């Protein structure tokens, strides 16, 4: 016994299947887990509150995660970063706005809460 499927139904079925595949492909990234590493208390009976800050936050000579952005505050819940905004002026009097994240001067870095980057001196070289 042979069944004939009308071309119109076949086209409609393919379109519905394509739409479902597209919807699934766009929904999957939204349902993915956050790629953050697990807390240091994972797999132990030691509570997270006992862990303390990463060693590199206390002593820069120790290994561990380092906060790379010192100039601003990060709001992980809102996925935003707040940085100080500075105003400058061009020679024609027009205002310009800028942010600072790094400096080649170690004392300025400490005073302004910026990252010290000695190699930034080489940024303007050819």
PDB file of N, CA and C in Angstrom:
ATOM      1  N   UNK A   1       0.838  -1.163   0.000  1.00  0.00           N
ATOM      2  CA  UNK A   1       0.000   0.000   0.000  1.00  0.00           C
ATOM      3  C   UNK A   1       0.892   1.238   0.000  1.00  0.00           C
ATOM      4  N   UNK A   2       0.574   2.195  -0.841  1.00  0.00           N
ATOM      5  CA  UNK A   2       1.363   3.406  -0.986  1.00  0.00           C
ATOM      6  C   UNK A   2       0.534   4.599  -0.548  1.00  0.00           C
ATOM      7  N   UNK A   3       1.172   5.465   0.262  1.00  0.00           N
ATOM      8  CA  UNK A   3       0.508   6.699   0.692  1.00  0.00           C
ATOM      9  C   UNK A   3       1.140   7.876  -0.033  1.00  0.00           C
ATOM     10  N   UNK A   4       0.333   8.723  -0.541  1.00  0.00           N
ATOM     11  CA  UNK A   4       0.826   9.926  -1.210  1.00  0.00           C
ATOM     12  C   UNK A   4       0.591  11.123  -0.290  1.00  0.00           C
ATOM     13  N   UNK A   5       1.653  11.872  -0.023  1.00  0.00           N
ATOM     14  CA  UNK A   5       1.542  13.074   0.809  1.00  0.00           C
ATOM     15  C   UNK A   5       1.511  14.277  -0.127  1.00  0.00           C
ATOM     16  N   UNK A   6       0.452  15.063  -0.023  1.00  0.00           N
ATOM     17  CA  UNK A   6       0.367  16.234  -0.901  1.00  0.00           C
ATOM     18  C   UNK A   6       1.563  17.177  -0.681  1.00  0.00           C
ATOM     19  N   UNK A   7       2.003  17.791  -1.758  1.00  0.00           N
ATOM     20  CA  UNK A   7       3.174  18.673  -1.714  1.00  0.00           C
ATOM     21  C   UNK A   7       2.960  19.832  -0.738  1.00  0.00           C
ATOM     22  N   UNK A   8       1.752  20.340  -0.649  1.00  0.00           N
ATOM     23  CA  UNK A   8       1.444  21.459   0.235  1.00  0.00           C
ATOM     24  C   UNK A   8       1.672  21.069   1.695  1.00  0.00           C
ATOM     25  N   UNK A   9       1.231  19.877   2.101  1.00  0.00           N
ATOM     26  CA  UNK A   9       1.434  19.413   3.473  1.00  0.00           C
ATOM     27  C   UNK A   9       2.914  19.177   3.758  1.00  0.00           C
ATOM     28  N   UNK A  10       3.632  18.668   2.787  1.00  0.00           N
ATOM     29  CA  UNK A  10       5.060  18.415   2.945  1.00  0.00           C
ATOM     30  C   UNK A  10       5.813  19.727   3.151  1.00  0.00           C
ATOM     31  N   UNK A  11       5.466  20.748   2.382  1.00  0.00           N
ATOM     32  CA  UNK A  11       6.107  22.061   2.508  1.00  0.00           C
ATOM     33  C   UNK A  11       5.788  22.687   3.862  1.00  0.00           C
ATOM     34  N   UNK A  12       4.521  22.576   4.276  1.00  0.00           N
ATOM     35  CA  UNK A  12       4.114  23.128   5.564  1.00  0.00           C
ATOM     36  C   UNK A  12       4.838  22.413   6.707  1.00  0.00           C
ATOM     37  N   UNK A  13       4.949  21.111   6.616  1.00  0.00           N
ATOM     38  CA  UNK A  13       5.648  20.343   7.651  1.00  0.00           C
ATOM     39  C   UNK A  13       7.124  20.712   7.731  1.00  0.00           C
ATOM     40  N   UNK A  14       7.756  20.909   6.572  1.00  0.00           N
ATOM     41  CA  UNK A  14       9.172  21.306   6.558  1.00  0.00           C
ATOM     42  C   UNK A  14       9.344  22.693   7.158  1.00  0.00           C
ATOM     43  N   UNK A  15       8.405  23.597   6.882  1.00  0.00           N
ATOM     44  CA  UNK A  15       8.480  24.953   7.427  1.00  0.00           C
ATOM     45  C   UNK A  15       8.320  24.935   8.946  1.00  0.00           C
ATOM     46  N   UNK A  16       7.395  24.125   9.444  1.00  0.00           N
ATOM     47  CA  UNK A  16       7.190  24.017  10.893  1.00  0.00           C
ATOM     48  C   UNK A  16       8.419  23.415  11.557  1.00  0.00           C
ATOM     49  N   UNK A  17       8.976  22.375  10.955  1.00  0.00           N
ATOM     50  CA  UNK A  17      10.180  21.745  11.498  1.00  0.00           C
ATOM     51  C   UNK A  17      11.350  22.732  11.519  1.00  0.00           C
ATOM     52  N   UNK A  18      11.501  23.533  10.463  1.00  0.00           N
ATOM     53  CA  UNK A  18      12.559  24.545  10.414  1.00  0.00           C
ATOM     54  C   UNK A  18      12.371  25.607  11.484  1.00  0.00           C
ATOM     55  N   UNK A  19      11.123  26.039  11.696  1.00  0.00           N
ATOM     56  CA  UNK A  19      10.838  27.044  12.719  1.00  0.00           C
ATOM     57  C   UNK A  19      11.138  26.505  14.113  1.00  0.00           C
ATOM     58  N   UNK A  20      10.798  25.248  14.360  1.00  0.00           N
ATOM     59  CA  UNK A  20      11.098  24.642  15.660  1.00  0.00           C
ATOM     60  C   UNK A  20      12.603  24.525  15.885  1.00  0.00           C
ATOM     61  N   UNK A  21      13.339  24.161  14.843  1.00  0.00           N
ATOM     62  CA  UNK A  21      14.799  24.057  14.966  1.00  0.00           C
ATOM     63  C   UNK A  21      15.412  25.421  15.250  1.00  0.00           C
ATOM     64  N   UNK A  22      14.918  26.460  14.587  1.00  0.00           N
ATOM     65  CA  UNK A  22      15.420  27.813  14.810  1.00  0.00           C
ATOM     66  C   UNK A  22      15.102  28.284  16.225  1.00  0.00           C
ATOM     67  N   UNK A  23      13.896  28.013  16.699  1.00  0.00           N
ATOM     68  CA  UNK A  23      13.518  28.404  18.060  1.00  0.00           C
ATOM     69  C   UNK A  23      14.380  27.685  19.086  1.00  0.00           C
ATOM     70  N   UNK A  24      14.634  26.401  18.873  1.00  0.00           N
ATOM     71  CA  UNK A  24      15.476  25.646  19.804  1.00  0.00           C
ATOM     72  C   UNK A  24      16.901  26.177  19.805  1.00  0.00           C
ATOM     73  N   UNK A  25      17.423  26.544  18.637  1.00  0.00           N
ATOM     74  CA  UNK A  25      18.797  27.052  18.544  1.00  0.00           C
ATOM     75  C   UNK A  25      18.944  28.398  19.239  1.00  0.00           C
ATOM     76  N   UNK A  26      17.907  29.227  19.207  1.00  0.00           N
ATOM     77  CA  UNK A  26      18.001  30.532  19.864  1.00  0.00           C
ATOM     78  C   UNK A  26      17.736  30.439  21.358  1.00  0.00           C
ATOM     79  N   UNK A  27      17.000  29.438  21.800  1.00  0.00           N
ATOM     80  CA  UNK A  27      16.699  29.290  23.223  1.00  0.00           C
ATOM     81  C   UNK A  27      17.823  28.618  23.996  1.00  0.00           C
ATOM     82  N   UNK A  28      18.598  27.766  23.365  1.00  0.00           N
ATOM     83  CA  UNK A  28      19.616  26.996  24.073  1.00  0.00           C
ATOM     84  C   UNK A  28      20.661  27.862  24.772  1.00  0.00           C
ATOM     85  N   UNK A  29      21.229  28.913  24.132  1.00  0.00           N
ATOM     86  CA  UNK A  29      22.212  29.727  24.853  1.00  0.00           C
ATOM     87  C   UNK A  29      21.622  30.418  26.079  1.00  0.00           C
ATOM     88  N   UNK A  30      20.340  30.776  26.031  1.00  0.00           N
ATOM     89  CA  UNK A  30      19.715  31.432  27.175  1.00  0.00           C
ATOM     90  C   UNK A  30      19.579  30.484  28.359  1.00  0.00           C
ATOM     91  N   UNK A  31      19.503  29.196  28.096  1.00  0.00           N
ATOM     92  CA  UNK A  31      19.341  28.215  29.168  1.00  0.00           C
ATOM     93  C   UNK A  31      20.678  27.660  29.658  1.00  0.00           C
ATOM     94  N   UNK A  32      21.779  28.074  29.041  1.00  0.00           N
ATOM     95  CA  UNK A  32      23.098  27.547  29.415  1.00  0.00           C
ATOM     96  C   UNK A  32      23.504  28.050  30.794  1.00  0.00           C
ATOM     97  N   UNK A  33      24.324  27.278  31.465  1.00  0.00           N
ATOM     98  CA  UNK A  33      24.824  27.650  32.782  1.00  0.00           C
ATOM     99  C   UNK A  33      25.911  28.708  32.653  1.00  0.00           C
ATOM    100  N   UNK A  34      26.072  29.510  33.706  1.00  0.00           N
ATOM    101  CA  UNK A  34      27.119  30.530  33.745  1.00  0.00           C
ATOM    102  C   UNK A  34      28.482  29.847  33.828  1.00  0.00           C
ATOM    103  N   UNK A  35      29.468  30.277  33.033  1.00  0.00           N
ATOM    104  CA  UNK A  35      30.766  29.592  33.019  1.00  0.00           C
ATOM    105  C   UNK A  35      31.698  29.970  34.173  1.00  0.00           C
ATOM    106  N   UNK A  36      31.175  30.565  35.229  1.00  0.00           N
ATOM    107  CA  UNK A  36      32.026  30.917  36.365  1.00  0.00           C
ATOM    108  C   UNK A  36      32.536  29.652  37.049  1.00  0.00           C
ATOM    109  N   UNK A  37      33.756  29.682  37.561  1.00  0.00           N
ATOM    110  CA  UNK A  37      34.269  28.505  38.260  1.00  0.00           C
ATOM    111  C   UNK A  37      33.513  28.287  39.567  1.00  0.00           C
ATOM    112  N   UNK A  38      33.479  27.059  40.053  1.00  0.00           N
ATOM    113  CA  UNK A  38      32.771  26.794  41.304  1.00  0.00           C
ATOM    114  C   UNK A  38      33.512  27.426  42.477  1.00  0.00           C
ATOM    115  N   UNK A  39      32.811  27.691  43.577  1.00  0.00           N
ATOM    116  CA  UNK A  39      33.486  28.255  44.747  1.00  0.00           C
ATOM    117  C   UNK A  39      34.497  27.270  45.327  1.00  0.00           C
ATOM    118  N   UNK A  40      35.431  27.793  46.090  1.00  0.00           N
ATOM    119  CA  UNK A  40      36.507  26.958  46.624  1.00  0.00           C
ATOM    120  C   UNK A  40      36.020  25.936  47.645  1.00  0.00           C
ATOM    121  N   UNK A  41      34.815  26.088  48.152  1.00  0.00           N
ATOM    122  CA  UNK A  41      34.299  25.138  49.135  1.00  0.00           C
ATOM    123  C   UNK A  41      33.624  23.931  48.490  1.00  0.00           C
ATOM    124  N   UNK A  42      33.546  23.893  47.175  1.00  0.00           N
ATOM    125  CA  UNK A  42      32.894  22.785  46.479  1.00  0.00           C
ATOM    126  C   UNK A  42      33.616  21.476  46.771  1.00  0.00           C
ATOM    127  N   UNK A  43      32.863  20.468  47.169  1.00  0.00           N
ATOM    128  CA  UNK A  43      33.434  19.146  47.436  1.00  0.00           C
ATOM    129  C   UNK A  43      34.078  19.015  48.801  1.00  0.00           C
ATOM    130  N   UNK A  44      33.878  19.985  49.675  1.00  0.00           N
ATOM    131  CA  UNK A  44      34.453  19.909  51.026  1.00  0.00           C
ATOM    132  C   UNK A  44      33.361  20.134  52.056  1.00  0.00           C
ATOM    133  N   UNK A  45      33.676  19.867  53.277  1.00  0.00           N
ATOM    134  CA  UNK A  45      32.756  20.163  54.374  1.00  0.00           C
ATOM    135  C   UNK A  45      33.065  21.514  55.002  1.00  0.00           C
ATOM    136  N   UNK A  46      33.977  22.263  54.403  1.00  0.00           N
ATOM    137  CA  UNK A  46      34.361  23.573  54.923  1.00  0.00           C
ATOM    138  C   UNK A  46      33.438  24.617  54.305  1.00  0.00           C
ATOM    139  N   UNK A  47      32.760  25.436  55.109  1.00  0.00           N
ATOM    140  CA  UNK A  47      31.833  26.416  54.543  1.00  0.00           C
ATOM    141  C   UNK A  47      32.565  27.491  53.739  1.00  0.00           C
ATOM    142  N   UNK A  48      31.845  28.084  52.803  1.00  0.00           N
ATOM    143  CA  UNK A  48      32.414  29.122  51.947  1.00  0.00           C
ATOM    144  C   UNK A  48      32.879  30.323  52.765  1.00  0.00           C
ATOM    145  N   UNK A  49      32.188  30.635  53.858  1.00  0.00           N
ATOM    146  CA  UNK A  49      32.568  31.786  54.677  1.00  0.00           C
ATOM    147  C   UNK A  49      33.933  31.606  55.325  1.00  0.00           C
ATOM    148  N   UNK A  50      34.403  30.376  55.448  1.00  0.00           N
ATOM    149  CA  UNK A  50      35.704  30.104  56.056  1.00  0.00           C
ATOM    150  C   UNK A  50      36.843  30.295  55.062  1.00  0.00           C
ATOM    151  N   UNK A  51      36.544  30.318  53.781  1.00  0.00           N
ATOM    152  CA  UNK A  51      37.578  30.338  52.748  1.00  0.00           C
ATOM    153  C   UNK A  51      38.374  31.637  52.706  1.00  0.00           C
ATOM    154  N   UNK A  52      37.756  32.768  52.938  1.00  0.00           N
ATOM    155  CA  UNK A  52      38.470  34.039  52.902  1.00  0.00           C
ATOM    156  C   UNK A  52      38.729  34.507  51.481  1.00  0.00           C
ATOM    157  N   UNK A  53      39.425  35.645  51.338  1.00  0.00           N
ATOM    158  CA  UNK A  53      39.713  36.164  49.996  1.00  0.00           C
ATOM    159  C   UNK A  53      40.778  35.334  49.304  1.00  0.00           C
ATOM    160  N   UNK A  54      40.860  35.412  47.968  1.00  0.00           N
ATOM    161  CA  UNK A  54      41.935  34.708  47.263  1.00  0.00           C
ATOM    162  C   UNK A  54      43.293  35.214  47.750  1.00  0.00           C
ATOM    163  N   UNK A  55      44.309  34.356  47.801  1.00  0.00           N
ATOM    164  CA  UNK A  55      45.607  34.765  48.323  1.00  0.00           C
ATOM    165  C   UNK A  55      46.197  35.981  47.621  1.00  0.00           C
ATOM    166  N   UNK A  56      45.960  36.120  46.326  1.00  0.00           N
ATOM    167  CA  UNK A  56      46.566  37.231  45.595  1.00  0.00           C
ATOM    168  C   UNK A  56      45.955  38.579  45.969  1.00  0.00           C
ATOM    169  N   UNK A  57      44.770  38.585  46.575  1.00  0.00           N
ATOM    170  CA  UNK A  57      44.184  39.839  47.035  1.00  0.00           C
ATOM    171  C   UNK A  57      44.877  40.323  48.303  1.00  0.00           C
ATOM    172  N   UNK A  58      45.449  39.400  49.074  1.00  0.00           N
ATOM    173  CA  UNK A  58      46.137  39.747  50.316  1.00  0.00           C
ATOM    174  C   UNK A  58      47.607  40.042  50.052  1.00  0.00           C
ATOM    175  N   UNK A  59      48.269  39.189  49.277  1.00  0.00           N
ATOM    176  CA  UNK A  59      49.691  39.325  48.970  1.00  0.00           C
ATOM    177  C   UNK A  59      49.873  39.065  47.483  1.00  0.00           C
ATOM    178  N   UNK A  60      50.288  40.082  46.750  1.00  0.00           N
ATOM    179  CA  UNK A  60      50.396  39.977  45.286  1.00  0.00           C
ATOM    180  C   UNK A  60      51.419  38.940  44.839  1.00  0.00           C
ATOM    181  N   UNK A  61      52.301  38.488  45.728  1.00  0.00           N
ATOM    182  CA  UNK A  61      53.291  37.473  45.369  1.00  0.00           C
ATOM    183  C   UNK A  61      52.693  36.070  45.334  1.00  0.00           C
ATOM    184  N   UNK A  62      51.513  35.899  45.904  1.00  0.00           N
ATOM    185  CA  UNK A  62      50.867  34.592  45.930  1.00  0.00           C
ATOM    186  C   UNK A  62      50.051  34.384  44.661  1.00  0.00           C
ATOM    187  N   UNK A  63      49.821  33.140  44.324  1.00  0.00           N
ATOM    188  CA  UNK A  63      49.096  32.803  43.101  1.00  0.00           C
ATOM    189  C   UNK A  63      47.602  32.776  43.392  1.00  0.00           C
ATOM    190  N   UNK A  64      46.806  33.150  42.414  1.00  0.00           N
ATOM    191  CA  UNK A  64      45.359  33.086  42.555  1.00  0.00           C
ATOM    192  C   UNK A  64      44.693  34.133  41.698  1.00  0.00           C
ATOM    193  N   UNK A  65      43.372  34.191  41.721  1.00  0.00           N
ATOM    194  CA  UNK A  65      42.664  35.171  40.912  1.00  0.00           C
ATOM    195  C   UNK A  65      43.021  36.592  41.345  1.00  0.00           C
ATOM    196  N   UNK A  66      43.218  37.458  40.387  1.00  0.00           N
ATOM    197  CA  UNK A  66      43.547  38.848  40.662  1.00  0.00           C
ATOM    198  C   UNK A  66      42.457  39.716  40.052  1.00  0.00           C
ATOM    199  N   UNK A  67      42.013  40.696  40.801  1.00  0.00           N
ATOM    200  CA  UNK A  67      41.010  41.625  40.292  1.00  0.00           C
ATOM    201  C   UNK A  67      41.703  42.547  39.295  1.00  0.00           C
ATOM    202  N   UNK A  68      41.385  42.394  38.014  1.00  0.00           N
ATOM    203  CA  UNK A  68      42.072  43.146  36.976  1.00  0.00           C
ATOM    204  C   UNK A  68      41.550  44.570  36.832  1.00  0.00           C
ATOM    205  N   UNK A  69      40.312  44.804  37.166  1.00  0.00           N
ATOM    206  CA  UNK A  69      39.747  46.140  37.043  1.00  0.00           C
ATOM    207  C   UNK A  69      39.672  46.767  38.424  1.00  0.00           C
ATOM    208  N   UNK A  70      40.579  47.684  38.699  1.00  0.00           N
ATOM    209  CA  UNK A  70      40.593  48.346  39.996  1.00  0.00           C
ATOM    210  C   UNK A  70      39.926  49.711  39.930  1.00  0.00           C
ATOM    211  N   UNK A  71      39.774  50.266  38.732  1.00  0.00           N
ATOM    212  CA  UNK A  71      39.292  51.633  38.583  1.00  0.00           C
ATOM    213  C   UNK A  71      37.785  51.763  38.772  1.00  0.00           C
ATOM    214  N   UNK A  72      37.044  50.692  38.678  1.00  0.00           N
ATOM    215  CA  UNK A  72      35.592  50.788  38.755  1.00  0.00           C
ATOM    216  C   UNK A  72      34.995  49.706  39.626  1.00  0.00           C
ATOM    217  N   UNK A  73      33.682  49.726  39.694  1.00  0.00           N
ATOM    218  CA  UNK A  73      32.960  48.711  40.453  1.00  0.00           C
ATOM    219  C   UNK A  73      32.150  47.862  39.483  1.00  0.00           C
ATOM    220  N   UNK A  74      32.112  46.569  39.751  1.00  0.00           N
ATOM    221  CA  UNK A  74      31.406  45.624  38.898  1.00  0.00           C
ATOM    222  C   UNK A  74      30.144  45.171  39.619  1.00  0.00           C
ATOM    223  N   UNK A  75      29.009  45.290  38.955  1.00  0.00           N
ATOM    224  CA  UNK A  75      27.739  44.786  39.469  1.00  0.00           C
ATOM    225  C   UNK A  75      27.411  43.534  38.671  1.00  0.00           C
ATOM    226  N   UNK A  76      27.718  42.367  39.254  1.00  0.00           N
ATOM    227  CA  UNK A  76      27.529  41.109  38.531  1.00  0.00           C
ATOM    228  C   UNK A  76      26.059  40.794  38.290  1.00  0.00           C
ATOM    229  N   UNK A  77      25.192  41.257  39.171  1.00  0.00           N
ATOM    230  CA  UNK A  77      23.765  40.980  39.004  1.00  0.00           C
ATOM    231  C   UNK A  77      23.197  41.738  37.803  1.00  0.00           C
ATOM    232  N   UNK A  78      23.650  42.972  37.604  1.00  0.00           N
ATOM    233  CA  UNK A  78      23.139  43.789  36.501  1.00  0.00           C
ATOM    234  C   UNK A  78      24.030  43.729  35.268  1.00  0.00           C
ATOM    235  N   UNK A  79      25.155  43.008  35.358  1.00  0.00           N
ATOM    236  CA  UNK A  79      26.120  42.912  34.255  1.00  0.00           C
ATOM    237  C   UNK A  79      26.595  44.303  33.816  1.00  0.00           C
ATOM    238  N   UNK A  80      26.942  45.153  34.797  1.00  0.00           N
ATOM    239  CA  UNK A  80      27.412  46.499  34.483  1.00  0.00           C
ATOM    240  C   UNK A  80      28.722  46.785  35.201  1.00  0.00           C
ATOM    241  N   UNK A  81      29.468  47.722  34.643  1.00  0.00           N
ATOM    242  CA  UNK A  81      30.695  48.223  35.254  1.00  0.00           C
ATOM    243  C   UNK A  81      30.558  49.731  35.353  1.00  0.00           C
ATOM    244  N   UNK A  82      30.836  50.289  36.531  1.00  0.00           N
ATOM    245  CA  UNK A  82      30.777  51.728  36.726  1.00  0.00           C
ATOM    246  C   UNK A  82      32.193  52.256  36.872  1.00  0.00           C
ATOM    247  N   UNK A  83      32.573  53.164  35.981  1.00  0.00           N
ATOM    248  CA  UNK A  83      33.909  53.759  35.980  1.00  0.00           C
ATOM    249  C   UNK A  83      33.793  55.269  36.147  1.00  0.00           C
ATOM    250  N   UNK A  84      34.790  55.900  36.787  1.00  0.00           N
ATOM    251  CA  UNK A  84      34.777  57.362  36.864  1.00  0.00           C
ATOM    252  C   UNK A  84      34.931  57.965  35.467  1.00  0.00           C
ATOM    253  N   UNK A  85      34.171  58.989  35.192  1.00  0.00           N
ATOM    254  CA  UNK A  85      34.213  59.658  33.900  1.00  0.00           C
ATOM    255  C   UNK A  85      34.914  61.000  34.086  1.00  0.00           C
ATOM    256  N   UNK A  86      35.952  61.236  33.309  1.00  0.00           N
ATOM    257  CA  UNK A  86      36.733  62.465  33.407  1.00  0.00           C
ATOM    258  C   UNK A  86      36.420  63.366  32.217  1.00  0.00           C
ATOM    259  N   UNK A  87      36.455  64.686  32.473  1.00  0.00           N
ATOM    260  CA  UNK A  87      36.201  65.655  31.410  1.00  0.00           C
ATOM    261  C   UNK A  87      37.510  66.317  31.015  1.00  0.00           C
ATOM    262  N   UNK A  88      37.721  66.413  29.717  1.00  0.00           N
ATOM    263  CA  UNK A  88      38.868  67.128  29.177  1.00  0.00           C
ATOM    264  C   UNK A  88      38.387  68.167  28.189  1.00  0.00           C
ATOM    265  N   UNK A  89      39.317  68.917  27.651  1.00  0.00           N
ATOM    266  CA  UNK A  89      38.948  69.968  26.716  1.00  0.00           C
ATOM    267  C   UNK A  89      39.950  70.000  25.576  1.00  0.00           C
ATOM    268  N   UNK A  90      39.438  70.059  24.348  1.00  0.00           N
ATOM    269  CA  UNK A  90      40.293  70.178  23.175  1.00  0.00           C
ATOM    270  C   UNK A  90      40.784  71.618  23.039  1.00  0.00           C
ATOM    271  N   UNK A  91      41.743  71.825  22.164  1.00  0.00           N
ATOM    272  CA  UNK A  91      42.298  73.171  21.979  1.00  0.00           C
ATOM    273  C   UNK A  91      41.257  74.154  21.446  1.00  0.00           C
ATOM    274  N   UNK A  92      40.224  73.649  20.782  1.00  0.00           N
ATOM    275  CA  UNK A  92      39.169  74.538  20.272  1.00  0.00           C
ATOM    276  C   UNK A  92      38.059  74.776  21.302  1.00  0.00           C
ATOM    277  N   UNK A  93      38.224  74.250  22.512  1.00  0.00           N
ATOM    278  CA  UNK A  93      37.253  74.469  23.581  1.00  0.00           C
ATOM    279  C   UNK A  93      36.171  73.411  23.684  1.00  0.00           C
ATOM    280  N   UNK A  94      36.159  72.443  22.787  1.00  0.00           N
ATOM    281  CA  UNK A  94      35.141  71.389  22.813  1.00  0.00           C
ATOM    282  C   UNK A  94      35.454  70.394  23.933  1.00  0.00           C
ATOM    283  N   UNK A  95      34.412  70.007  24.676  1.00  0.00           N
ATOM    284  CA  UNK A  95      34.584  69.039  25.763  1.00  0.00           C
ATOM    285  C   UNK A  95      34.732  67.627  25.224  1.00  0.00           C
ATOM    286  N   UNK A  96      35.579  66.849  25.864  1.00  0.00           N
ATOM    287  CA  UNK A  96      35.712  65.420  25.581  1.00  0.00           C
ATOM    288  C   UNK A  96      35.642  64.682  26.907  1.00  0.00           C
ATOM    289  N   UNK A  97      35.122  63.470  26.878  1.00  0.00           N
ATOM    290  CA  UNK A  97      34.982  62.657  28.080  1.00  0.00           C
ATOM    291  C   UNK A  97      35.793  61.387  27.907  1.00  0.00           C
ATOM    292  N   UNK A  98      36.423  60.912  28.991  1.00  0.00           N
ATOM    293  CA  UNK A  98      37.263  59.726  28.901  1.00  0.00           C
ATOM    294  C   UNK A  98      37.289  58.992  30.239  1.00  0.00           C
ATOM    295  N   UNK A  99      37.730  57.741  30.191  1.00  0.00           N
ATOM    296  CA  UNK A  99      37.921  56.943  31.404  1.00  0.00           C
ATOM    297  C   UNK A  99      39.391  56.550  31.488  1.00  0.00           C
ATOM    298  N   UNK A 100      39.845  56.248  32.689  1.00  0.00           N
ATOM    299  CA  UNK A 100      41.210  55.782  32.914  1.00  0.00           C
ATOM    300  C   UNK A 100      41.154  54.395  33.542  1.00  0.00           C
ATOM    301  N   UNK A 101      41.964  53.478  33.020  1.00  0.00           N
ATOM    302  CA  UNK A 101      42.043  52.138  33.613  1.00  0.00           C
ATOM    303  C   UNK A 101      43.468  51.764  33.975  1.00  0.00           C
ATOM    304  N   UNK A 102      44.461  52.293  33.237  1.00  0.00           N
ATOM    305  CA  UNK A 102      45.863  51.935  33.444  1.00  0.00           C
ATOM    306  C   UNK A 102      46.723  53.191  33.407  1.00  0.00           C
ATOM    307  N   UNK A 103      47.894  53.116  34.043  1.00  0.00           N
ATOM    308  CA  UNK A 103      48.854  54.208  33.998  1.00  0.00           C
ATOM    309  C   UNK A 103      50.267  53.647  34.107  1.00  0.00           C
ATOM    310  N   UNK A 104      51.238  54.423  33.624  1.00  0.00           N
ATOM    311  CA  UNK A 104      52.639  53.996  33.721  1.00  0.00           C
ATOM    312  C   UNK A 104      53.295  54.526  34.990  1.00  0.00           C
ATOM    313  N   UNK A 105      52.586  55.356  35.741  1.00  0.00           N
ATOM    314  CA  UNK A 105      53.122  55.935  36.975  1.00  0.00           C
ATOM    315  C   UNK A 105      52.589  55.153  38.176  1.00  0.00           C
ATOM    316  N   UNK A 106      53.490  54.535  38.925  1.00  0.00           N
ATOM    317  CA  UNK A 106      53.068  53.666  40.030  1.00  0.00           C
ATOM    318  C   UNK A 106      52.345  54.434  41.130  1.00  0.00           C
ATOM    319  N   UNK A 107      52.801  55.646  41.433  1.00  0.00           N
ATOM    320  CA  UNK A 107      52.146  56.441  42.488  1.00  0.00           C
ATOM    321  C   UNK A 107      50.749  56.890  42.058  1.00  0.00           C
ATOM    322  N   UNK A 108      50.607  57.285  40.796  1.00  0.00           N
ATOM    323  CA  UNK A 108      49.275  57.638  40.295  1.00  0.00           C
ATOM    324  C   UNK A 108      48.344  56.435  40.333  1.00  0.00           C
ATOM    325  N   UNK A 109      48.876  55.273  40.017  1.00  0.00           N
ATOM    326  CA  UNK A 109      48.059  54.058  40.046  1.00  0.00           C
ATOM    327  C   UNK A 109      47.503  53.819  41.444  1.00  0.00           C
ATOM    328  N   UNK A 110      48.347  53.960  42.456  1.00  0.00           N
ATOM    329  CA  UNK A 110      47.884  53.764  43.837  1.00  0.00           C
ATOM    330  C   UNK A 110      46.898  54.853  44.244  1.00  0.00           C
ATOM    331  N   UNK A 111      47.198  56.105  43.893  1.00  0.00           N
ATOM    332  CA  UNK A 111      46.348  57.223  44.305  1.00  0.00           C
ATOM    333  C   UNK A 111      44.977  57.194  43.644  1.00  0.00           C
ATOM    334  N   UNK A 112      44.924  56.807  42.375  1.00  0.00           N
ATOM    335  CA  UNK A 112      43.666  56.834  41.628  1.00  0.00           C
ATOM    336  C   UNK A 112      42.964  55.485  41.557  1.00  0.00           C
ATOM    337  N   UNK A 113      43.584  54.442  42.103  1.00  0.00           N
ATOM    338  CA  UNK A 113      42.980  53.111  42.037  1.00  0.00           C
ATOM    339  C   UNK A 113      43.036  52.517  40.645  1.00  0.00           C
ATOM    340  N   UNK A 114      44.110  52.819  39.902  1.00  0.00           N
ATOM    341  CA  UNK A 114      44.266  52.312  38.541  1.00  0.00           C
ATOM    342  C   UNK A 114      45.240  51.150  38.524  1.00  0.00           C
ATOM    343  N   UNK A 115      45.273  50.441  37.417  1.00  0.00           N
ATOM    344  CA  UNK A 115      46.258  49.375  37.227  1.00  0.00           C
ATOM    345  C   UNK A 115      47.587  50.000  36.838  1.00  0.00           C
ATOM    346  N   UNK A 116      48.668  49.562  37.482  1.00  0.00           N
ATOM    347  CA  UNK A 116      50.006  50.010  37.102  1.00  0.00           C
ATOM    348  C   UNK A 116      50.493  49.126  35.970  1.00  0.00           C
ATOM    349  N   UNK A 117      50.904  49.742  34.868  1.00  0.00           N
ATOM    350  CA  UNK A 117      51.370  48.999  33.705  1.00  0.00           C
ATOM    351  C   UNK A 117      52.633  49.655  33.168  1.00  0.00           C
ATOM    352  N   UNK A 118      53.792  49.139  33.590  1.00  0.00           N
ATOM    353  CA  UNK A 118      55.064  49.702  33.136  1.00  0.00           C
ATOM    354  C   UNK A 118      55.226  49.549  31.629  1.00  0.00           C
ATOM    355  N   UNK A 119      54.703  48.479  31.069  1.00  0.00           N
ATOM    356  CA  UNK A 119      54.860  48.225  29.631  1.00  0.00           C
ATOM    357  C   UNK A 119      53.984  49.132  28.777  1.00  0.00           C
ATOM    358  N   UNK A 120      53.093  49.883  29.401  1.00  0.00           N
ATOM    359  CA  UNK A 120      52.264  50.819  28.651  1.00  0.00           C
ATOM    360  C   UNK A 120      53.120  51.907  28.003  1.00  0.00           C
ATOM    361  N   UNK A 121      54.327  52.135  28.534  1.00  0.00           N
ATOM    362  CA  UNK A 121      55.261  53.096  27.925  1.00  0.00           C
ATOM    363  C   UNK A 121      55.556  52.742  26.478  1.00  0.00           C
ATOM    364  N   UNK A 122      55.516  51.472  26.145  1.00  0.00           N
ATOM    365  CA  UNK A 122      55.861  51.017  24.799  1.00  0.00           C
ATOM    366  C   UNK A 122      54.671  51.030  23.839  1.00  0.00           C
ATOM    367  N   UNK A 123      53.508  51.469  24.282  1.00  0.00           N
ATOM    368  CA  UNK A 123      52.305  51.437  23.445  1.00  0.00           C
ATOM    369  C   UNK A 123      52.412  52.357  22.233  1.00  0.00           C
ATOM    370  N   UNK A 124      53.094  53.476  22.382  1.00  0.00           N
ATOM    371  CA  UNK A 124      53.174  54.445  21.290  1.00  0.00           C
ATOM    372  C   UNK A 124      54.349  54.191  20.351  1.00  0.00           C
ATOM    373  N   UNK A 125      55.148  53.173  20.641  1.00  0.00           N
ATOM    374  CA  UNK A 125      56.318  52.886  19.812  1.00  0.00           C
ATOM    375  C   UNK A 125      55.892  52.013  18.642  1.00  0.00           C
ATOM    376  N   UNK A 126      56.232  52.465  17.421  1.00  0.00           N
ATOM    377  CA  UNK A 126      55.994  51.842  16.147  1.00  0.00           C
ATOM    378  C   UNK A 126      55.399  50.537  16.111  1.00  0.00           C
TER     379      UNK A 126
END
